[in-house]
Amino acid sequence: MLMGIVAGINGVALFVSLLFWGWLWGLIDTLVAVPIMMIVKTACECIDEPQGVSELLSEK
């Protein structure tokens, strides 16, 4: 939760991500879900096409 706050990721998007990755690969990948979301958010901010995804993942 702290990493999500520091990265500025939306809490609901982070929770849905935890549920999805936990369902897909189990308990171990729930630990990796937050860094994966941080990578996706950063990549979407840097690329022009998926700016909408970046805005959905953003806290503000």
C-alpha atoms as a PDB file:
ATOM      1  CA  MET A   1       0.000   0.000   0.000  1.00  0.00           C
ATOM      2  CA  LEU A   2       2.853   2.349   0.838  1.00  0.00           C
ATOM      3  CA  MET A   3       4.503   1.760  -2.549  1.00  0.00           C
ATOM      4  CA  GLY A   4       1.211   2.556  -4.279  1.00  0.00           C
ATOM      5  CA  ILE A   5       0.858   5.819  -2.364  1.00  0.00           C
ATOM      6  CA  VAL A   6       4.433   6.850  -3.119  1.00  0.00           C
ATOM      7  CA  ALA A   7       4.050   5.967  -6.812  1.00  0.00           C
ATOM      8  CA  GLY A   8       0.734   7.808  -7.051  1.00  0.00           C
ATOM      9  CA  ILE A   9      -1.270   4.799  -8.198  1.00  0.00           C
ATOM     10  CA  ASN A  10      -5.041   4.805  -7.713  1.00  0.00           C
ATOM     11  CA  GLY A  11      -6.033   2.624  -4.746  1.00  0.00           C
ATOM     12  CA  VAL A  12      -8.911   0.929  -6.557  1.00  0.00           C
ATOM     13  CA  ALA A  13      -6.713   0.101  -9.562  1.00  0.00           C
ATOM     14  CA  LEU A  14      -4.072  -1.279  -7.220  1.00  0.00           C
ATOM     15  CA  PHE A  15      -6.623  -3.452  -5.402  1.00  0.00           C
ATOM     16  CA  VAL A  16      -8.017  -4.789  -8.694  1.00  0.00           C
ATOM     17  CA  SER A  17      -4.468  -5.519  -9.814  1.00  0.00           C
ATOM     18  CA  LEU A  18      -3.773  -7.440  -6.603  1.00  0.00           C
ATOM     19  CA  LEU A  19      -6.951  -9.469  -7.093  1.00  0.00           C
ATOM     20  CA  PHE A  20      -6.143 -10.204 -10.743  1.00  0.00           C
ATOM     21  CA  TRP A  21      -2.523 -11.248 -10.247  1.00  0.00           C
ATOM     22  CA  GLY A  22      -3.406 -13.223  -7.127  1.00  0.00           C
ATOM     23  CA  TRP A  23      -6.072 -15.097  -9.037  1.00  0.00           C
ATOM     24  CA  LEU A  24      -3.824 -15.683 -12.038  1.00  0.00           C
ATOM     25  CA  TRP A  25      -0.601 -16.816 -10.349  1.00  0.00           C
ATOM     26  CA  GLY A  26      -1.298 -17.085  -6.642  1.00  0.00           C
ATOM     27  CA  LEU A  27       0.127 -15.577  -3.496  1.00  0.00           C
ATOM     28  CA  ILE A  28       3.696 -15.080  -4.729  1.00  0.00           C
ATOM     29  CA  ASP A  29       2.699 -12.760  -7.554  1.00  0.00           C
ATOM     30  CA  THR A  30       0.603 -10.551  -5.308  1.00  0.00           C
ATOM     31  CA  LEU A  31       3.953  -9.352  -3.960  1.00  0.00           C
ATOM     32  CA  VAL A  32       5.006  -8.464  -7.501  1.00  0.00           C
ATOM     33  CA  ALA A  33       1.685  -6.830  -8.475  1.00  0.00           C
ATOM     34  CA  VAL A  34       2.585  -3.353  -7.194  1.00  0.00           C
ATOM     35  CA  PRO A  35       5.928  -3.125  -9.059  1.00  0.00           C
ATOM     36  CA  ILE A  36       4.191  -4.423 -12.200  1.00  0.00           C
ATOM     37  CA  MET A  37       1.574  -1.674 -11.899  1.00  0.00           C
ATOM     38  CA  MET A  38       4.309   0.922 -11.355  1.00  0.00           C
ATOM     39  CA  ILE A  39       6.037  -0.260 -14.545  1.00  0.00           C
ATOM     40  CA  VAL A  40       2.776  -0.178 -16.524  1.00  0.00           C
ATOM     41  CA  LYS A  41       1.934   3.318 -15.264  1.00  0.00           C
ATOM     42  CA  THR A  42       5.409   4.648 -16.063  1.00  0.00           C
ATOM     43  CA  ALA A  43       5.369   3.085 -19.532  1.00  0.00           C
ATOM     44  CA  CYS A  44       1.930   4.559 -20.264  1.00  0.00           C
ATOM     45  CA  GLU A  45       3.116   8.010 -19.180  1.00  0.00           C
ATOM     46  CA  CYS A  46       6.129   7.861 -21.495  1.00  0.00           C
ATOM     47  CA  ILE A  47       4.260   6.633 -24.586  1.00  0.00           C
ATOM     48  CA  ASP A  48       1.779   8.955 -26.301  1.00  0.00           C
ATOM     49  CA  GLU A  49      -0.873   6.388 -27.274  1.00  0.00           C
ATOM     50  CA  PRO A  50      -2.065   4.992 -23.882  1.00  0.00           C
ATOM     51  CA  GLN A  51      -2.341   8.305 -22.018  1.00  0.00           C
ATOM     52  CA  GLY A  52      -5.877   7.357 -20.962  1.00  0.00           C
ATOM     53  CA  VAL A  53      -4.606   4.277 -19.148  1.00  0.00           C
ATOM     54  CA  SER A  54      -2.055   6.406 -17.358  1.00  0.00           C
ATOM     55  CA  GLU A  55      -4.788   8.799 -16.234  1.00  0.00           C
ATOM     56  CA  LEU A  56      -6.916   5.909 -14.927  1.00  0.00           C
ATOM     57  CA  LEU A  57      -3.999   4.574 -12.901  1.00  0.00           C
ATOM     58  CA  SER A  58      -3.070   7.993 -11.567  1.00  0.00           C
ATOM     59  CA  GLU A  59      -4.057   9.021  -8.045  1.00  0.00           C
ATOM     60  CA  LYS A  60      -5.062  12.545  -9.036  1.00  0.00           C
END
